[in-house]
Amino acid sequence: MIKRAAELARQESLAIPGLAARAAAVAILRDVITGGHMLDELFAPGSGLSRLAGLAPRDIALTRSIVTAALRRLGTIRNALAALLAAGPPRAAAMQVESCLTIAAAQILFLDVPDHAAVDLAVRMIRLDQKAVPYASLVNGVLRNLIRRREEFLAAGSALDQDTPAWLAARWRKAYGETSAQAIAATNRLEPTLDISVKSDLAFWAERLEAAILPTGSLRLSTHAPIAELAGYAEGAWWVQDAAAALPARLLKPAPGMTIGDLCSAPGGKAAQLAACGAHVVAVDRSAERLKLLSANLQRLRLEAEIVVADVTALAGYSFDAVLLDAPCSGTGTIRRHPDIAWTKKPGDIAKLAALQARMLDKAFELVKPGGTIVYCVCSIEPEEGEQQIANLLRRNPDLERSSIGADEVGGLGELLNGNGELRTLPSHLPAQEPRFAGLDGFFAARLVRKHRQSR
């Protein structure tokens, strides 16, 4: 009876406007930080964790905004809370208190939420947990002090040293040097851009959507409107795709009559590019669920592809004119867009992924005809998944050679190419007067050709 009364009281409290969204944000933050779940997975329709059950679309959007801000600036928030909580959070309810404070701090420091609302709802949230109830006044005091010292905490620390896990910061310093590493981390703090690829009539859609035409041929939008409500979406005139992600498929120079294997194809942005050029696309992915999303995207775009559910490393029976291998990777080039990656990936993940990528590259060689082209790409800025991967491949396979990418193939932006003629974009590339409209996803791509065997 007592438990039932407590649950009823909890449900009544969650009916307070905005409280259920904050409670969901606390739970999802913990799912990411302690459970290692990906943010997109937790917000996908039908997510097994059901943190969003009963929330209106507006509250779901608010929940995602709060969690995203908390993850993007987690280091800043943790440093601020550590300074305000000299003794650390109380052990009896440490996880709940810390999560509630983190979610509230994200609103106070980085979102357009009234301070009083962030504090009041955080205190109410604490009172929903019996173990945490005694610390309601502590939470109230810490957050009010945070408001008073807001500018101090916002000015402290660099993005690389504060909002980037130490192991990633060390990697980027080693790979790119101090200046570039700092620039990458600073860009990752910013709201991501919204880029799209259009099937045709680039200038028309640029004008219609009030978008900027990038040198690479993508459109960059400034709107915050829901994507599905934008002109051209319903009729399938375009699809969302970062400008860097749009480059690898173009490197194959797809054309009618070509049969192209798009390996690890879902959710389908690159398959759409290839199909829009008239190529016959065989879209391969091991996830049937993700291929359903690809199929739905192609249907909206009025494009076609042959869809195959298969493990790429076991694929047989095909001989392609060209292969696009967008391999599974650490995703560290997309932290700006997916800030959870910084806190869910571990150093050991990169070696495991690099081993899988190598097996997939060997399979891509088997599947492409002599004289055919392979484009390998990853949305990672880790050399083991990019430059080193290709160097190792060429050492073990003399029947492959690089086909250098020219600056004219990437919008004249020679800075996007390395000394081997490979694509290497960094989040800090493509500067703009307004920082929010600058940057690219971090991508690596190499183009390879399978040699014809010489007859003896």
Protein backbone atom coordinates (compact mmCIF):
# COMPACT_ATOMS: atom_id res chain seq x y z
CA MET A 1 0.00 0.00 0.00
CA ILE A 2 2.83 2.39 0.93
CA LYS A 3 4.68 1.53 -2.29
CA ARG A 4 1.56 2.17 -4.35
CA ALA A 5 1.02 5.54 -2.68
CA ALA A 6 4.65 6.48 -3.34
CA GLU A 7 4.33 5.53 -7.01
CA LEU A 8 1.13 7.56 -7.36
CA ALA A 9 2.87 10.55 -5.80
CA ARG A 10 5.75 10.09 -8.24
CA GLN A 11 3.42 9.99 -11.23
CA GLU A 12 1.67 13.16 -10.03
CA SER A 13 5.04 14.89 -9.70
CA LEU A 14 6.08 13.84 -13.22
CA ALA A 15 2.97 15.59 -14.53
CA ILE A 16 4.58 18.92 -13.61
CA PRO A 17 5.50 20.57 -16.97
CA GLY A 18 9.08 19.80 -17.97
CA LEU A 19 9.84 17.39 -15.13
CA ALA A 20 9.28 14.18 -17.08
CA ALA A 21 11.65 15.40 -19.82
CA ARG A 22 14.35 16.12 -17.21
CA ALA A 23 13.81 12.74 -15.56
CA ALA A 24 14.20 11.06 -18.96
CA ALA A 25 17.35 13.10 -19.60
CA VAL A 26 18.87 11.90 -16.30
CA ALA A 27 18.11 8.27 -17.13
CA ILE A 28 19.44 8.53 -20.69
CA LEU A 29 22.63 10.27 -19.57
CA ARG A 30 23.28 7.36 -17.23
CA ASP A 31 22.51 4.87 -19.99
CA VAL A 32 25.23 6.51 -22.10
CA ILE A 33 27.88 7.14 -19.44
CA THR A 34 27.58 3.97 -17.39
CA GLY A 35 25.83 1.66 -19.84
CA GLY A 36 27.77 2.54 -23.00
CA HIS A 37 24.60 2.95 -25.07
CA MET A 38 24.65 5.19 -28.15
CA LEU A 39 22.43 8.25 -28.08
CA ASP A 40 20.80 7.54 -31.45
CA GLU A 41 19.91 4.06 -30.22
CA LEU A 42 18.22 5.45 -27.11
CA PHE A 43 16.11 7.87 -29.15
CA ALA A 44 15.24 5.42 -31.91
CA PRO A 45 11.54 4.51 -32.21
CA GLY A 46 10.83 1.40 -30.18
CA SER A 47 14.00 1.65 -28.09
CA GLY A 48 14.03 -1.21 -25.61
CA LEU A 49 14.96 1.05 -22.71
CA SER A 50 11.71 3.05 -23.09
CA ARG A 51 12.95 6.18 -21.31
CA LEU A 52 10.70 8.28 -23.53
CA ALA A 53 7.44 6.42 -23.00
CA GLY A 54 4.52 8.83 -22.69
CA LEU A 55 6.51 11.93 -23.63
CA ALA A 56 5.12 14.33 -26.23
CA PRO A 57 7.34 15.04 -29.28
CA ARG A 58 8.20 18.47 -27.89
CA ASP A 59 9.41 16.93 -24.62
CA ILE A 60 11.41 14.29 -26.50
CA ALA A 61 13.14 17.06 -28.44
CA LEU A 62 13.88 18.91 -25.19
CA THR A 63 15.24 15.73 -23.60
CA ARG A 64 17.60 15.20 -26.50
CA SER A 65 18.78 18.82 -26.45
CA ILE A 66 19.60 18.59 -22.74
CA VAL A 67 21.45 15.27 -22.97
CA THR A 68 23.37 16.38 -26.06
CA ALA A 69 24.50 19.59 -24.36
CA ALA A 70 25.52 17.63 -21.26
CA LEU A 71 27.63 15.21 -23.29
CA ARG A 72 29.17 17.87 -25.55
CA ARG A 73 30.37 19.84 -22.52
CA LEU A 74 30.66 17.06 -19.96
CA GLY A 75 34.19 17.99 -18.94
CA THR A 76 33.27 21.63 -18.32
CA ILE A 77 30.26 20.57 -16.27
CA ARG A 78 32.21 18.05 -14.22
CA ASN A 79 34.95 20.56 -13.46
CA ALA A 80 32.41 23.15 -12.35
CA LEU A 81 30.54 20.70 -10.13
CA ALA A 82 33.80 19.43 -8.62
CA ALA A 83 34.69 22.99 -7.64
CA LEU A 84 31.26 23.51 -6.07
CA LEU A 85 31.10 20.11 -4.37
CA ALA A 86 34.37 20.09 -2.46
CA ALA A 87 33.58 16.79 -0.76
CA GLY A 88 32.03 15.16 -3.84
CA PRO A 89 28.44 13.96 -4.15
CA PRO A 90 27.03 12.05 -1.15
CA ARG A 91 27.85 8.34 -1.40
CA ALA A 92 24.35 7.10 -0.52
CA ALA A 93 22.85 8.70 -3.62
CA ALA A 94 25.93 9.67 -5.60
CA MET A 95 24.74 8.55 -9.03
CA GLN A 96 21.33 10.22 -8.85
CA VAL A 97 22.66 13.44 -7.35
CA GLU A 98 25.51 13.68 -9.87
CA SER A 99 23.21 12.95 -12.83
CA CYS A 100 20.61 15.50 -11.72
CA LEU A 101 23.28 18.13 -11.20
CA THR A 102 24.83 17.41 -14.60
CA ILE A 103 21.51 17.73 -16.41
CA ALA A 104 20.65 20.94 -14.57
CA ALA A 105 24.13 22.39 -15.19
CA ALA A 106 23.81 21.71 -18.93
CA GLN A 107 20.66 23.85 -18.96
CA ILE A 108 22.14 26.64 -16.84
CA LEU A 109 25.42 26.87 -18.75
CA PHE A 110 24.51 26.02 -22.33
CA LEU A 111 20.78 26.10 -23.05
CA ASP A 112 18.17 28.80 -23.27
CA VAL A 113 16.36 27.63 -20.14
CA PRO A 114 15.41 30.04 -17.32
CA ASP A 115 17.73 29.51 -14.37
CA HIS A 116 14.88 29.23 -11.89
CA ALA A 117 13.25 26.48 -13.95
CA ALA A 118 16.47 24.46 -14.17
CA VAL A 119 17.01 24.71 -10.39
CA ASP A 120 13.40 24.07 -9.38
CA LEU A 121 13.00 21.02 -11.60
CA ALA A 122 16.33 19.57 -10.47
CA VAL A 123 15.26 19.82 -6.82
CA ARG A 124 11.91 18.23 -7.65
CA MET A 125 13.72 15.45 -9.47
CA ILE A 126 15.91 14.72 -6.45
CA ARG A 127 12.82 14.44 -4.31
CA LEU A 128 11.52 11.64 -6.55
CA ASP A 129 14.32 9.37 -5.26
CA GLN A 130 13.94 8.39 -1.60
CA LYS A 131 17.70 7.93 -1.12
CA ALA A 132 18.40 11.34 -2.60
CA VAL A 133 15.67 13.33 -0.81
CA PRO A 134 17.97 14.46 2.05
CA TYR A 135 20.23 16.16 -0.50
CA ALA A 136 17.62 18.41 -2.10
CA SER A 137 18.94 21.48 -0.30
CA LEU A 138 22.50 20.61 -1.35
CA VAL A 139 21.44 20.42 -5.01
CA ASN A 140 19.62 23.73 -4.68
CA GLY A 141 22.70 25.42 -3.18
CA VAL A 142 25.16 24.00 -5.71
CA LEU A 143 23.07 25.11 -8.68
CA ARG A 144 22.54 28.61 -7.32
CA ASN A 145 26.29 28.93 -6.83
CA LEU A 146 26.78 27.68 -10.39
CA ILE A 147 24.53 30.47 -11.65
CA ARG A 148 26.55 33.06 -9.74
CA ARG A 149 29.87 31.71 -11.06
CA ARG A 150 28.67 30.85 -14.57
CA GLU A 151 31.05 33.13 -16.49
CA GLU A 152 34.03 31.93 -14.47
CA PHE A 153 33.39 28.29 -15.34
CA LEU A 154 32.63 29.02 -18.99
CA ALA A 155 35.93 30.83 -19.40
CA ALA A 156 38.03 28.10 -17.76
CA GLY A 157 39.95 25.46 -19.68
CA SER A 158 40.48 24.57 -23.34
CA ALA A 159 38.17 22.27 -25.27
CA LEU A 160 40.97 19.76 -25.74
CA ASP A 161 41.95 19.57 -22.08
CA GLN A 162 38.49 19.93 -20.62
CA ASP A 163 35.81 18.50 -22.94
CA THR A 164 37.84 15.76 -24.60
CA PRO A 165 38.71 12.47 -22.85
CA ALA A 166 42.44 12.46 -22.07
CA TRP A 167 43.20 9.42 -24.22
CA LEU A 168 41.63 11.03 -27.29
CA ALA A 169 43.35 14.35 -26.63
CA ALA A 170 46.72 12.57 -26.49
CA ARG A 171 45.99 10.76 -29.76
CA TRP A 172 45.02 13.92 -31.61
CA ARG A 173 48.08 15.80 -30.35
CA LYS A 174 50.30 12.99 -31.62
CA ALA A 175 48.56 12.66 -34.99
CA TYR A 176 47.89 16.31 -35.83
CA GLY A 177 49.96 18.51 -33.54
CA GLU A 178 48.87 20.88 -30.79
CA THR A 179 47.27 23.58 -32.94
CA SER A 180 45.14 21.21 -35.03
CA ALA A 181 44.19 19.11 -32.02
CA GLN A 182 42.96 22.22 -30.21
CA ALA A 183 41.00 23.30 -33.29
CA ILE A 184 39.34 19.88 -33.63
CA ALA A 185 38.26 19.91 -29.99
CA ALA A 186 37.01 23.50 -30.19
CA THR A 187 34.88 22.65 -33.24
CA ASN A 188 33.43 19.64 -31.43
CA ARG A 189 31.94 22.02 -28.86
CA LEU A 190 29.77 23.70 -31.50
CA GLU A 191 26.28 22.88 -32.69
CA PRO A 192 26.66 20.74 -35.84
CA THR A 193 25.79 22.00 -39.28
CA LEU A 194 22.88 20.71 -41.36
CA ASP A 195 24.10 19.67 -44.81
CA ILE A 196 22.09 18.04 -47.57
CA SER A 197 22.76 16.36 -50.90
CA VAL A 198 20.32 17.09 -53.72
CA LYS A 199 19.44 14.87 -56.67
CA SER A 200 19.48 17.79 -59.12
CA ASP A 201 18.89 21.54 -59.47
CA LEU A 202 21.45 22.58 -56.86
CA ALA A 203 20.96 26.32 -57.39
CA PHE A 204 17.16 26.00 -57.26
CA TRP A 205 17.20 24.18 -53.93
CA ALA A 206 19.82 26.52 -52.52
CA GLU A 207 17.47 29.44 -53.19
CA ARG A 208 14.36 27.56 -52.05
CA LEU A 209 15.93 26.47 -48.75
CA GLU A 210 17.97 29.65 -48.25
CA ALA A 211 21.08 27.49 -48.11
CA ALA A 212 24.72 28.11 -48.90
CA ILE A 213 26.32 26.14 -51.73
CA LEU A 214 29.57 24.65 -50.43
CA PRO A 215 32.60 24.27 -52.70
CA THR A 216 32.16 20.49 -52.51
CA GLY A 217 28.62 20.64 -53.97
CA SER A 218 26.59 20.13 -50.80
CA LEU A 219 24.08 22.61 -49.43
CA ARG A 220 24.46 23.95 -45.86
CA LEU A 221 21.23 25.12 -44.20
CA SER A 222 20.72 27.56 -41.35
CA THR A 223 17.20 26.52 -40.38
CA HIS A 224 16.20 24.87 -37.11
CA ALA A 225 12.88 23.66 -38.53
CA PRO A 226 12.10 19.93 -38.39
CA ILE A 227 13.73 18.25 -41.38
CA ALA A 228 10.56 16.50 -42.54
CA GLU A 229 8.79 19.87 -42.77
CA LEU A 230 11.32 21.45 -45.15
CA ALA A 231 10.51 22.01 -48.81
CA GLY A 232 11.58 19.13 -51.00
CA TYR A 233 11.79 16.51 -48.29
CA ALA A 234 8.46 14.78 -48.86
CA GLU A 235 8.93 14.69 -52.63
CA GLY A 236 12.40 13.19 -52.26
CA ALA A 237 14.45 16.01 -53.76
CA TRP A 238 17.29 15.69 -51.24
CA TRP A 239 18.61 13.85 -48.19
CA VAL A 240 20.58 14.84 -45.11
CA GLN A 241 24.30 14.11 -45.49
CA ASP A 242 27.34 15.88 -44.09
CA ALA A 243 29.42 17.54 -46.79
CA ALA A 244 32.43 15.32 -45.98
CA ALA A 245 30.31 12.16 -46.04
CA ALA A 246 29.14 13.11 -49.53
CA LEU A 247 32.65 13.01 -51.01
CA PRO A 248 33.62 9.28 -51.01
CA ALA A 249 30.81 8.09 -53.31
CA ARG A 250 31.71 10.76 -55.88
CA LEU A 251 35.27 9.45 -56.01
CA LEU A 252 33.96 6.30 -57.75
CA LYS A 253 32.66 8.46 -60.61
CA PRO A 254 29.41 6.47 -60.76
CA ALA A 255 27.62 6.30 -64.10
CA PRO A 256 24.80 4.40 -65.81
CA GLY A 257 25.78 0.83 -66.63
CA MET A 258 28.08 0.43 -63.63
CA THR A 259 27.36 -2.19 -60.97
CA ILE A 260 28.60 -0.91 -57.64
CA GLY A 261 28.76 -2.76 -54.35
CA ASP A 262 27.96 -0.43 -51.46
CA LEU A 263 29.25 -2.37 -48.47
CA CYS A 264 28.03 -1.48 -44.96
CA SER A 265 25.44 0.58 -46.80
CA ALA A 266 22.83 1.56 -44.19
CA PRO A 267 21.33 4.07 -43.60
CA GLY A 268 21.80 4.79 -47.31
CA GLY A 269 23.11 8.29 -48.03
CA LYS A 270 25.93 7.00 -50.22
CA ALA A 271 23.68 4.42 -51.89
CA ALA A 272 21.36 7.28 -52.81
CA GLN A 273 24.23 9.18 -54.40
CA LEU A 274 25.27 6.19 -56.47
CA ALA A 275 21.72 5.35 -57.55
CA ALA A 276 20.99 8.98 -58.44
CA CYS A 277 23.86 8.78 -60.95
CA GLY A 278 22.20 5.83 -62.66
CA ALA A 279 24.42 3.04 -61.32
CA HIS A 280 23.02 -0.35 -60.35
CA VAL A 281 23.69 -0.41 -56.60
CA VAL A 282 23.94 -3.55 -54.49
CA ALA A 283 23.46 -2.27 -50.95
CA VAL A 284 24.90 -4.72 -48.41
CA ASP A 285 24.60 -4.53 -44.64
CA ARG A 286 24.45 -7.13 -41.89
CA SER A 287 21.59 -5.34 -40.08
CA ALA A 288 18.16 -6.09 -41.50
CA GLU A 289 16.69 -3.32 -39.34
CA ARG A 290 19.09 -0.71 -40.68
CA LEU A 291 18.39 -1.88 -44.21
CA LYS A 292 14.69 -1.24 -43.61
CA LEU A 293 15.65 2.37 -42.93
CA LEU A 294 17.74 2.42 -46.11
CA SER A 295 14.83 1.02 -48.10
CA ALA A 296 12.48 3.66 -46.67
CA ASN A 297 14.95 6.42 -47.53
CA LEU A 298 15.34 5.21 -51.10
CA GLN A 299 11.58 4.91 -51.47
CA ARG A 300 11.14 8.55 -50.39
CA LEU A 301 13.86 9.58 -52.83
CA ARG A 302 12.31 7.48 -55.63
CA LEU A 303 15.58 5.63 -56.14
CA GLU A 304 16.29 1.92 -56.39
CA ALA A 305 18.94 -0.48 -55.14
CA GLU A 306 19.34 -4.21 -54.76
CA ILE A 307 19.30 -4.81 -51.02
CA VAL A 308 21.29 -7.68 -49.49
CA VAL A 309 21.34 -8.66 -45.83
CA ALA A 310 24.78 -10.19 -45.30
CA ASP A 311 28.01 -10.03 -43.33
CA VAL A 312 30.38 -8.25 -45.71
CA THR A 313 33.30 -10.49 -44.78
CA ALA A 314 31.31 -13.55 -45.93
CA LEU A 315 29.78 -12.03 -49.08
CA ALA A 316 30.27 -14.13 -52.23
CA GLY A 317 28.91 -14.50 -55.74
CA TYR A 318 29.40 -10.89 -56.87
CA SER A 319 31.85 -9.24 -59.24
CA PHE A 320 31.52 -5.46 -59.10
CA ASP A 321 32.77 -2.73 -61.40
CA ALA A 322 33.44 -0.70 -58.26
CA VAL A 323 33.12 -1.09 -54.51
CA LEU A 324 32.41 1.52 -51.86
CA LEU A 325 33.39 0.31 -48.39
CA ASP A 326 32.16 2.65 -45.68
CA ALA A 327 33.57 0.53 -42.89
CA PRO A 328 32.49 0.36 -39.24
CA CYS A 329 34.77 2.65 -37.28
CA SER A 330 35.23 4.55 -34.03
CA GLY A 331 33.35 7.56 -35.42
CA THR A 332 35.69 10.05 -33.77
CA GLY A 333 35.32 12.38 -36.75
CA THR A 334 31.64 12.86 -35.87
CA ILE A 335 31.87 13.76 -32.17
CA ARG A 336 30.47 17.21 -32.91
CA ARG A 337 27.34 15.51 -34.28
CA HIS A 338 27.41 12.54 -31.86
CA PRO A 339 29.03 13.72 -28.60
CA ASP A 340 28.28 10.41 -26.89
CA ILE A 341 31.07 8.83 -28.96
CA ALA A 342 33.70 10.64 -26.90
CA TRP A 343 32.44 9.01 -23.72
CA THR A 344 31.43 5.55 -24.95
CA LYS A 345 34.47 4.59 -27.03
CA LYS A 346 37.56 3.13 -25.33
CA PRO A 347 41.20 2.97 -26.52
CA GLY A 348 40.96 -0.77 -27.18
CA ASP A 349 38.05 -0.28 -29.57
CA ILE A 350 40.27 1.20 -32.27
CA ALA A 351 42.52 -1.86 -32.61
CA LYS A 352 39.48 -4.17 -32.78
CA LEU A 353 37.84 -2.01 -35.43
CA ALA A 354 41.05 -1.75 -37.44
CA ALA A 355 41.27 -5.56 -37.56
CA LEU A 356 37.68 -5.76 -38.86
CA GLN A 357 38.35 -3.03 -41.42
CA ALA A 358 41.36 -4.96 -42.73
CA ARG A 359 39.24 -8.09 -43.26
CA MET A 360 36.60 -6.03 -45.06
CA LEU A 361 39.21 -4.44 -47.32
CA ASP A 362 40.53 -7.85 -48.29
CA LYS A 363 36.96 -8.90 -49.13
CA ALA A 364 36.43 -5.72 -51.19
CA PHE A 365 39.47 -6.70 -53.27
CA GLU A 366 37.93 -10.13 -53.91
CA LEU A 367 34.62 -8.58 -54.99
CA VAL A 368 35.92 -6.00 -57.48
CA LYS A 369 36.81 -6.86 -61.07
CA PRO A 370 40.37 -6.41 -62.37
CA GLY A 371 40.63 -2.78 -63.42
CA GLY A 372 37.84 -1.91 -61.01
CA THR A 373 37.90 0.75 -58.31
CA ILE A 374 37.59 0.53 -54.53
CA VAL A 375 36.88 3.54 -52.36
CA TYR A 376 37.45 2.89 -48.68
CA CYS A 377 36.19 5.43 -46.14
CA VAL A 378 35.66 5.88 -42.40
CA CYS A 379 34.28 8.76 -40.32
CA SER A 380 37.25 8.47 -37.97
CA ILE A 381 40.24 10.73 -37.47
CA GLU A 382 42.37 7.93 -36.01
CA PRO A 383 45.31 7.06 -38.32
CA GLU A 384 45.03 3.31 -37.61
CA GLU A 385 41.60 3.35 -39.26
CA GLY A 386 42.67 5.52 -42.19
CA GLU A 387 46.19 6.21 -43.45
CA GLN A 388 47.77 3.22 -41.70
CA GLN A 389 44.99 0.91 -42.82
CA ILE A 390 45.67 1.68 -46.49
CA ALA A 391 49.45 1.49 -46.10
CA ASN A 392 49.08 -1.97 -44.55
CA LEU A 393 46.68 -3.07 -47.31
CA LEU A 394 49.09 -2.07 -50.07
CA ARG A 395 51.96 -3.88 -48.35
CA ARG A 396 50.04 -7.14 -48.21
CA ASN A 397 48.37 -6.86 -51.63
CA PRO A 398 50.58 -5.91 -54.58
CA ASP A 399 47.61 -6.21 -56.95
CA LEU A 400 46.21 -2.94 -55.61
CA GLU A 401 47.48 0.58 -56.19
CA ARG A 402 46.37 4.03 -55.08
CA SER A 403 44.50 6.26 -57.47
CA SER A 404 45.26 9.73 -56.19
CA ILE A 405 42.37 12.10 -55.55
CA GLY A 406 42.68 15.51 -57.18
CA ALA A 407 41.75 18.83 -55.58
CA ASP A 408 39.22 19.35 -58.38
CA GLU A 409 37.31 16.32 -57.05
CA VAL A 410 36.83 17.94 -53.63
CA GLY A 411 35.74 21.41 -54.66
CA GLY A 412 39.29 22.72 -55.14
CA LEU A 413 39.99 22.32 -51.42
CA GLY A 414 43.50 20.93 -51.59
CA GLU A 415 43.83 21.12 -47.80
CA LEU A 416 41.44 18.16 -47.59
CA LEU A 417 44.04 15.88 -49.24
CA ASN A 418 47.16 14.36 -47.73
CA GLY A 419 50.49 13.74 -49.40
CA ASN A 420 49.39 10.35 -50.74
CA GLY A 421 46.40 11.79 -52.56
CA GLU A 422 43.95 10.52 -49.94
CA LEU A 423 41.03 12.43 -48.48
CA ARG A 424 41.53 13.54 -44.88
CA THR A 425 38.93 15.98 -43.58
CA LEU A 426 39.03 17.30 -40.04
CA PRO A 427 36.19 18.85 -38.02
CA SER A 428 38.11 22.14 -38.08
CA HIS A 429 38.27 22.32 -41.90
CA LEU A 430 36.07 24.63 -43.99
CA PRO A 431 36.13 27.79 -41.82
CA ALA A 432 33.27 30.29 -41.90
CA GLN A 433 32.68 33.77 -40.55
CA GLU A 434 30.08 32.40 -38.16
CA PRO A 435 31.61 29.38 -36.35
CA ARG A 436 28.32 27.46 -36.26
CA PHE A 437 28.40 27.24 -40.07
CA ALA A 438 32.02 26.08 -40.22
CA GLY A 439 33.50 22.61 -40.19
CA LEU A 440 33.12 19.14 -41.66
CA ASP A 441 32.81 15.68 -40.23
CA GLY A 442 36.23 14.11 -39.87
CA PHE A 443 36.57 11.61 -42.73
CA PHE A 444 39.23 9.53 -44.38
CA ALA A 445 38.89 8.09 -47.89
CA ALA A 446 41.31 6.39 -50.25
CA ARG A 447 40.74 5.33 -53.86
CA LEU A 448 42.35 2.12 -55.03
CA VAL A 449 42.44 0.27 -58.35
CA ARG A 450 42.73 -3.50 -58.77
CA LYS A 451 45.46 -4.11 -61.32
CA HIS A 452 45.00 -6.34 -64.35
CA ARG A 453 47.21 -9.41 -63.98
CA GLN A 454 50.05 -9.43 -66.47
CA SER A 455 50.08 -12.50 -68.70
CA ARG A 456 53.37 -14.39 -68.77
